[in-house]
Protein backbone atom coordinates (compact mmCIF):
# COMPACT_ATOMS: atom_id res chain seq x y z
CA MET A 1 -86.04 30.04 -32.57
CA ARG A 2 -89.60 28.08 -31.71
CA SER A 3 -88.35 25.20 -32.93
CA LYS A 4 -84.75 25.43 -31.06
CA MET A 5 -87.00 25.66 -28.15
CA ARG A 6 -88.59 22.86 -29.17
CA GLY A 7 -85.86 20.90 -29.46
CA GLN A 8 -84.42 21.86 -26.11
CA MET A 9 -87.59 21.05 -24.20
CA GLY A 10 -87.35 17.73 -26.09
CA MET A 11 -84.28 16.80 -24.90
CA ARG A 12 -85.03 17.84 -21.28
CA LEU A 13 -88.07 15.30 -21.55
CA VAL A 14 -85.30 12.68 -22.44
CA VAL A 15 -83.09 13.55 -19.48
CA ALA A 16 -85.59 13.68 -16.92
CA LEU A 17 -87.10 10.78 -18.27
CA ILE A 18 -84.03 8.58 -17.96
CA VAL A 19 -83.27 9.84 -14.47
CA ALA A 20 -86.84 9.25 -13.13
CA VAL A 21 -85.78 5.44 -14.83
CA THR A 22 -82.72 4.97 -13.40
CA ALA A 23 -84.68 6.73 -9.73
CA VAL A 24 -87.14 3.57 -10.38
CA GLY A 25 -84.65 1.23 -10.66
CA VAL A 26 -82.25 2.25 -7.44
CA LEU A 27 -85.71 2.11 -5.28
CA GLY A 28 -86.43 -1.74 -6.78
CA GLU A 29 -83.01 -2.79 -6.17
CA ALA A 30 -83.49 -1.05 -2.56
CA ALA A 31 -86.11 -2.80 -2.35
CA PHE A 32 -84.74 -6.26 -1.80
CA ALA A 33 -81.02 -5.38 -0.79
CA GLN A 34 -80.11 -5.55 2.73
CA PRO A 35 -77.46 -2.87 2.65
CA PRO A 36 -78.51 0.79 2.43
CA ALA A 37 -79.35 2.13 -1.32
CA PRO A 38 -77.06 4.29 -2.91
CA THR A 39 -78.49 8.44 -3.17
CA ILE A 40 -80.97 8.70 -6.21
CA PRO A 41 -79.21 11.49 -8.67
CA GLY A 42 -80.59 14.87 -9.04
CA PHE A 43 -81.31 16.74 -12.42
CA TYR A 44 -81.07 20.06 -12.69
CA SER A 45 -81.66 22.04 -15.88
CA GLY A 46 -82.81 25.50 -16.78
CA THR A 47 -81.44 29.24 -18.13
CA ALA A 48 -78.14 30.90 -16.94
CA THR A 49 -78.02 35.26 -17.52
CA VAL A 50 -75.95 37.69 -16.12
CA GLY A 51 -77.10 40.84 -15.82
CA GLY A 52 -79.83 39.99 -17.93
CA GLN A 53 -77.99 38.65 -20.17
CA LEU A 54 -77.29 35.04 -21.04
CA VAL A 55 -73.87 33.16 -19.86
CA PRO A 56 -71.85 32.95 -23.12
CA ASP A 57 -70.90 29.59 -24.31
CA GLY A 58 -68.15 28.02 -23.00
CA GLN A 59 -68.87 28.86 -19.31
CA PHE A 60 -69.48 26.22 -16.82
CA ILE A 61 -71.91 25.82 -14.16
CA ILE A 62 -70.50 23.05 -10.87
CA ALA A 63 -72.94 21.95 -7.88
CA ARG A 64 -71.47 22.26 -4.51
CA LEU A 65 -73.12 19.77 -1.52
CA GLY A 66 -70.54 19.80 1.40
CA ASP A 67 -67.63 18.30 0.32
CA TYR A 68 -69.03 16.82 -2.95
CA GLU A 69 -68.54 19.02 -6.06
CA SER A 70 -70.59 18.03 -8.85
CA LYS A 71 -69.08 17.32 -12.59
CA PRO A 72 -69.39 20.74 -14.85
CA ALA A 73 -72.15 21.18 -16.71
CA PHE A 74 -71.41 23.27 -20.43
CA VAL A 75 -73.59 26.21 -21.41
CA VAL A 76 -74.63 26.27 -24.63
CA GLY A 77 -77.12 29.01 -25.83
CA GLY A 78 -77.97 29.94 -22.08
CA THR A 79 -79.23 27.05 -20.92
CA PHE A 80 -77.69 23.81 -18.90
CA ASP A 81 -78.18 20.83 -17.91
CA LEU A 82 -76.81 19.56 -14.45
CA VAL A 83 -76.77 16.21 -12.72
CA VAL A 84 -76.16 16.34 -9.33
CA SER A 85 -75.37 13.07 -7.69
CA PRO A 86 -73.52 12.09 -4.59
CA GLU A 87 -72.78 8.73 -2.99
CA ASP A 88 -72.76 9.81 0.77
CA SER A 89 -76.19 9.64 1.67
CA SER A 90 -76.07 11.87 4.69
CA LEU A 91 -75.90 14.90 2.26
CA ILE A 92 -79.50 14.45 1.60
CA ASN A 93 -81.70 17.93 2.64
CA GLN A 94 -78.18 19.60 2.70
CA LYS A 95 -77.95 22.93 0.98
CA LEU A 96 -77.22 22.65 -2.67
CA SER A 97 -75.30 25.31 -4.44
CA PHE A 98 -74.05 26.70 -7.62
CA PHE A 99 -71.22 28.68 -9.64
CA LEU A 100 -70.49 29.66 -12.57
CA GLY A 101 -66.84 29.04 -13.94
CA GLY A 102 -66.27 27.59 -9.77
CA GLN A 103 -66.52 31.29 -9.23
CA ILE A 104 -69.31 33.18 -8.69
CA GLU A 105 -72.61 31.83 -7.13
CA ALA A 106 -75.51 31.39 -8.00
CA ASP A 107 -78.53 33.86 -6.40
CA ARG A 108 -80.45 30.30 -5.48
CA THR A 109 -79.69 27.18 -3.79
CA VAL A 110 -81.65 24.50 -2.78
CA ASN A 111 -81.79 20.88 -0.37
CA PHE A 112 -80.84 18.03 -2.14
CA LYS A 113 -83.42 15.96 -2.36
CA PRO A 114 -82.73 12.26 -4.00
CA SER A 115 -84.50 11.99 -7.54
CA SER A 116 -85.60 15.56 -8.03
CA VAL A 117 -86.10 16.77 -11.48
CA ASP A 118 -86.20 19.79 -12.14
CA LEU A 119 -86.33 21.65 -15.72
CA GLY A 120 -87.22 24.85 -15.24
CA PHE A 121 -83.83 25.76 -12.45
CA ASP A 122 -83.15 28.84 -14.23
CA LEU A 123 -79.98 30.70 -12.49
CA LYS A 124 -78.68 34.50 -12.15
CA PHE A 125 -75.42 35.68 -11.66
CA LEU A 126 -73.56 39.05 -10.30
CA LYS A 127 -70.93 38.44 -13.25
CA LEU A 128 -68.70 36.75 -15.24
CA PRO A 129 -65.95 35.09 -13.62
CA ASP A 130 -62.14 36.46 -14.48
CA PRO A 131 -60.86 34.28 -16.90
CA THR A 132 -57.99 32.16 -16.48
CA PRO A 133 -54.77 33.23 -16.98
CA THR A 134 -53.55 31.54 -19.94
CA PRO A 135 -49.12 30.98 -19.57
CA THR A 136 -47.69 32.39 -21.97
CA ALA A 137 -45.00 30.42 -23.56
CA THR A 138 -41.30 32.39 -22.80
CA LEU A 139 -39.62 32.30 -25.47
CA THR A 140 -36.16 30.92 -25.47
CA ALA A 141 -33.53 31.77 -27.28
CA THR A 142 -31.90 29.04 -29.47
CA PRO A 143 -28.28 29.87 -29.43
CA PRO A 144 -26.43 29.73 -32.04
CA THR A 145 -24.52 26.71 -33.62
CA ALA A 146 -21.03 25.78 -32.49
CA PRO A 147 -18.89 25.29 -36.03
CA THR A 148 -16.08 22.87 -36.24
CA ILE A 149 -13.20 24.49 -37.47
CA VAL A 150 -9.99 22.10 -39.04
CA TYR A 151 -6.84 24.28 -39.26
CA SER A 152 -3.41 22.69 -40.99
CA GLY A 153 -1.05 24.79 -42.99
CA SER A 154 2.79 25.76 -42.04
CA ILE A 155 4.50 26.96 -38.95
CA ILE A 156 7.56 30.08 -39.08
CA VAL A 157 9.46 30.30 -36.58
CA ALA A 158 12.03 33.73 -37.00
CA GLY A 159 15.57 32.63 -36.52
CA SER A 160 15.22 28.81 -36.00
CA ASP A 161 12.81 25.08 -36.66
CA VAL A 162 10.07 24.43 -34.58
CA PRO A 163 11.84 22.97 -31.35
CA SER A 164 11.38 18.98 -31.51
CA GLY A 165 8.92 18.17 -29.30
CA ALA A 166 6.64 21.53 -29.46
CA THR A 167 2.64 22.33 -28.78
CA LEU A 168 0.58 23.99 -31.06
CA VAL A 169 -3.08 24.53 -29.86
CA ALA A 170 -5.71 26.92 -30.30
CA ASN A 171 -7.47 29.45 -27.36
CA LEU A 172 -10.65 30.92 -27.97
CA GLY A 173 -12.22 32.30 -24.58
CA SER A 174 -11.69 29.61 -21.59
CA TYR A 175 -11.57 26.46 -24.55
CA GLN A 176 -8.16 25.35 -25.49
CA SER A 177 -8.65 22.21 -28.18
CA LEU A 178 -6.09 20.12 -28.39
CA SER A 179 -2.79 20.19 -29.48
CA ALA A 180 -1.93 19.80 -33.28
CA LEU A 181 0.27 17.48 -35.06
CA ILE A 182 3.64 18.99 -35.45
CA GLU A 183 5.66 17.61 -38.80
CA GLY A 184 8.66 19.38 -39.14
CA ASN A 185 7.36 22.97 -39.90
CA SER A 186 3.85 22.11 -41.01
CA PHE A 187 1.21 21.04 -38.63
CA ARG A 188 -2.73 19.43 -39.11
CA ALA A 189 -5.27 18.42 -37.31
CA LEU A 190 -5.28 21.47 -35.41
CA VAL A 191 -9.10 20.83 -33.91
CA VAL A 192 -11.57 23.81 -32.64
CA ASP A 193 -14.37 22.60 -31.07
CA PRO A 194 -15.77 24.65 -28.36
CA GLY A 195 -19.35 23.72 -28.82
CA ASP A 196 -20.57 26.83 -27.69
CA GLY A 197 -22.16 29.39 -30.33
CA TYR A 198 -22.03 31.93 -28.23
CA LEU A 199 -18.13 32.21 -28.73
CA LEU A 200 -19.18 33.08 -32.67
CA ASP A 201 -17.11 36.37 -33.83
CA GLU A 202 -14.14 36.04 -30.99
CA SER A 203 -11.04 35.65 -31.81
CA ILE A 204 -8.58 32.03 -31.98
CA VAL A 205 -5.36 33.05 -30.54
CA PHE A 206 -2.73 30.31 -31.86
CA THR A 207 -0.16 28.98 -29.26
CA LEU A 208 3.37 26.95 -30.07
CA ASN A 209 5.01 26.06 -26.14
CA GLY A 210 2.22 28.77 -24.92
CA PHE A 211 4.10 31.46 -26.68
CA PRO A 212 1.47 33.18 -29.21
CA ALA A 213 1.44 33.87 -32.71
CA THR A 214 1.60 37.11 -34.35
CA GLN A 215 -1.80 36.77 -35.66
CA SER A 216 -5.03 35.37 -34.84
CA VAL A 217 -8.36 34.80 -36.56
CA ILE A 218 -12.30 34.87 -36.14
CA TYR A 219 -14.30 32.12 -34.89
CA GLU A 220 -17.10 32.21 -37.16
CA GLU A 221 -18.92 29.92 -39.96
CA GLY A 222 -17.64 28.75 -42.74
CA GLU A 223 -16.00 25.93 -44.21
CA LEU A 224 -14.88 23.28 -42.45
CA SER A 225 -11.00 22.86 -43.34
CA ARG A 226 -9.00 26.09 -43.57
CA THR A 227 -5.14 26.65 -43.95
CA LEU A 228 -2.89 29.36 -41.77
CA ALA A 229 0.37 30.34 -41.61
CA LEU A 230 0.84 31.00 -38.51
CA VAL A 231 4.30 32.99 -37.34
CA PHE A 232 6.25 33.26 -34.07
CA VAL A 233 8.41 35.96 -33.48
CA GLY A 234 10.60 36.27 -30.20
CA LEU A 235 9.97 32.54 -29.66
CA SER A 236 12.89 31.40 -27.16
CA ALA A 237 14.93 28.41 -27.88
CA PRO A 238 14.45 25.81 -25.78
CA THR A 239 16.78 25.56 -22.94
CA ALA A 240 18.53 22.21 -22.13
CA THR A 241 17.32 20.67 -19.24
CA PRO A 242 19.65 19.19 -16.92
CA THR A 243 19.52 15.63 -16.44
CA LEU A 244 20.28 15.23 -12.44
CA THR A 245 22.56 12.13 -12.01
CA PRO A 246 20.89 10.68 -8.63
CA ALA A 247 23.21 10.73 -5.94
CA PRO A 248 24.39 7.63 -5.44
CA THR A 249 22.87 6.39 -2.04
CA ALA A 250 25.74 5.01 0.93
CA THR A 251 25.43 1.26 1.00
CA PRO A 252 25.86 0.67 4.77
CA VAL A 253 28.76 -1.32 5.90
CA PRO A 254 27.31 -3.77 8.38
CA THR A 255 29.85 -3.21 11.50
CA ALA A 256 31.49 -6.68 12.24
CA THR A 257 30.08 -8.06 15.66
CA PRO A 258 33.86 -8.92 17.75
CA THR A 259 33.89 -12.43 17.86
CA ALA A 260 35.20 -13.95 21.32
CA THR A 261 39.01 -15.01 20.24
CA PRO A 262 40.28 -17.87 22.80
CA THR A 263 43.72 -17.07 23.68
CA PRO A 264 45.25 -20.07 22.89
CA LEU A 265 47.09 -20.96 26.02
CA PRO A 266 51.01 -21.46 26.38
CA THR A 267 52.77 -24.41 25.38
CA ALA A 268 54.32 -26.22 28.69
CA THR A 269 57.85 -26.93 27.20
CA PRO A 270 59.13 -30.37 28.91
CA THR A 271 61.38 -29.53 31.92
CA ALA A 272 64.37 -31.61 31.66
CA THR A 273 64.65 -33.85 34.53
CA ALA A 274 68.00 -35.28 35.49
CA MET A 275 68.02 -38.61 35.82
CA PRO A 276 69.58 -39.67 38.78
CA SER A 277 72.80 -41.39 38.63
CA ALA A 278 73.20 -45.30 38.89
CA THR A 279 74.07 -45.74 41.85
CA ALA A 280 76.34 -49.74 42.00
CA THR A 281 74.92 -51.60 44.62
CA ARG A 282 77.53 -53.70 46.09
CA THR A 283 76.47 -57.28 45.72
CA PRO A 284 77.59 -59.16 49.37
CA THR A 285 80.07 -62.45 48.96
CA PRO A 286 77.47 -65.89 49.71
CA THR A 287 79.65 -67.75 52.70
CA SER A 288 79.47 -70.47 52.70
CA THR A 289 77.60 -72.98 55.62
CA PRO A 290 79.46 -75.75 56.73
CA ARG A 291 77.23 -78.81 56.82
CA PRO A 292 76.90 -80.68 59.73
CA THR A 293 78.03 -84.05 60.37
CA SER A 294 75.27 -86.69 60.95
CA THR A 295 76.49 -88.69 64.20
CA PRO A 296 74.41 -91.78 64.98
CA THR A 297 72.37 -91.62 68.19
CA PRO A 298 71.40 -94.22 70.19
CA GLU A 299 67.63 -93.14 71.41
CA PRO A 300 65.92 -89.69 70.38
CA THR A 301 66.47 -87.10 72.43
CA GLU A 302 63.96 -84.21 73.04
CA ILE A 303 64.65 -81.42 70.41
CA PRO A 304 63.62 -78.22 71.64
CA ALA A 305 62.03 -76.05 69.11
CA GLN A 306 63.95 -74.84 66.75
CA ILE A 307 64.26 -70.95 66.61
CA PRO A 308 63.72 -69.54 63.00
CA SER A 309 67.14 -68.34 62.05
CA PRO A 310 66.58 -64.32 60.58
CA THR A 311 67.44 -64.57 56.87
CA PRO A 312 70.44 -62.57 55.74
CA THR A 313 69.01 -59.36 54.35
CA SER A 314 71.57 -57.40 51.94
CA ILE A 315 71.06 -53.52 52.51
CA GLU A 316 71.94 -51.71 49.52
CA ALA A 317 74.67 -48.87 50.95
CA PRO A 318 74.23 -45.60 48.28
CA SER A 319 77.62 -45.36 46.44
CA THR A 320 78.35 -42.37 45.63
CA VAL A 321 80.18 -42.53 41.80
CA THR A 322 83.14 -40.28 41.98
CA PRO A 323 84.42 -39.18 38.91
CA ASP A 324 88.10 -39.61 37.77
CA GLU A 325 89.97 -36.72 38.45
CA GLU A 326 91.84 -36.86 35.19
CA GLY A 327 90.19 -38.26 32.90
CA GLY A 328 86.57 -36.77 33.40
CA GLY A 329 85.67 -40.85 33.56
CA SER A 330 83.69 -42.65 36.42
CA SER A 331 85.00 -45.82 38.54
CA CYS A 332 83.75 -48.45 37.61
CA VAL A 333 84.74 -49.90 41.46
CA PRO A 334 82.12 -48.22 43.48
CA SER A 335 83.50 -46.78 46.78
CA LEU A 336 81.73 -48.90 50.13
CA ASN A 337 80.62 -46.04 52.63
CA VAL A 338 79.58 -48.47 55.37
CA SER A 339 78.71 -47.03 58.66
CA ALA A 340 79.71 -49.45 62.17
CA GLY A 341 75.78 -50.52 63.47
CA THR A 342 75.77 -51.62 59.61
CA GLY A 343 78.87 -53.56 59.68
CA ALA A 344 78.02 -55.17 63.11
CA MET A 345 74.97 -56.05 62.52
CA ASN A 346 76.16 -57.74 58.95
CA VAL A 347 78.49 -60.00 61.21
CA LEU A 348 76.03 -60.95 63.49
CA LEU A 349 73.81 -62.12 60.31
CA LEU A 350 76.68 -64.11 58.91
CA LEU A 351 77.55 -65.43 62.47
CA GLY A 352 74.33 -66.63 63.12
CA PRO A 353 73.65 -69.58 61.93
CA ILE A 354 76.86 -71.20 62.34
CA GLY A 355 76.13 -70.12 66.14
CA LEU A 356 72.67 -72.05 66.39
CA VAL A 357 74.51 -75.27 64.34
CA ALA A 358 77.23 -75.26 67.00
CA GLY A 359 74.81 -75.25 69.91
CA TYR A 360 72.79 -77.97 68.31
CA ARG A 361 75.93 -80.33 68.38
CA ARG A 362 76.35 -79.47 72.09
CA ILE A 363 72.97 -80.26 73.22
CA ARG A 364 72.72 -84.01 71.36
CA ARG A 365 76.63 -84.81 72.75
CA ARG A 366 75.01 -83.97 75.90
CA PRO A 367 74.16 -87.61 77.75
């Protein structure tokens, strides 16, 4: 016992010496440095008891100074060694408290002073701290493994063969498998894999086109490949679905747009115009005018101005062609129908020149 105490005292002296050396180094640096010196740690060591009994090993003690909390010092053999080193220098001379297990406060406190070393700093506590509840691991039931089963076998339909294009599936609870491969009256590759072990011991119902088989099997562990003969009674023959013939779609007939057709104008029929009948014009017979006989004149006689003689103008008298009464033809000789005035005018025109010549001769004969 004495050797143990001596060992603890030696350990405390070593710790105190380390703290003292650290304090001297910090003070030496502070003497040459302009910034404020950091807080020098304090060292507290002693015995911890609860109700006169040493605190059991495994408990720890911490110190609290304002907002600062020291690192825990674990109790070994009823003793502890606690280092208090706040970084805030404003905490110097503040109340320093000690707690067992971070819960139970000790019977004494001190004002913190930097570089303080107290090797006989014994602490007493009223009780041990409440044990921290250890979380109990909740045992989670491991779901059973869901086996995978592959079924194959024959299909028996009472009174007929398996309908063409039929679908065979397995139903287990809310699970439904993919359709099996059906060849004639046999099936294969019907895979049941629900992935839920809680479906074990449930019944597997097989349906063909939605119609259930007469027997079912229990979903249980065992071999991977299993053979079955599935019987279906009362499976109705598939009803031929009438193929709807699409009604012909009425194609709209385009409405003819009325086009204005030009109305042909009536062709003018040429009207036969009565041609005037040729009127025979009587050509007057020219009258021979006697030429005067030149008489030698002894001396020139003044000749009065010659009066121009009127030029005889032939006037065409319209003649009417009288059709031949007997023969129905027309006469070649025109019938002259001349008024009296016209006849007198024609006579004057014929005799005028003769009168002029006769008058001229009489004038020349006068002495």
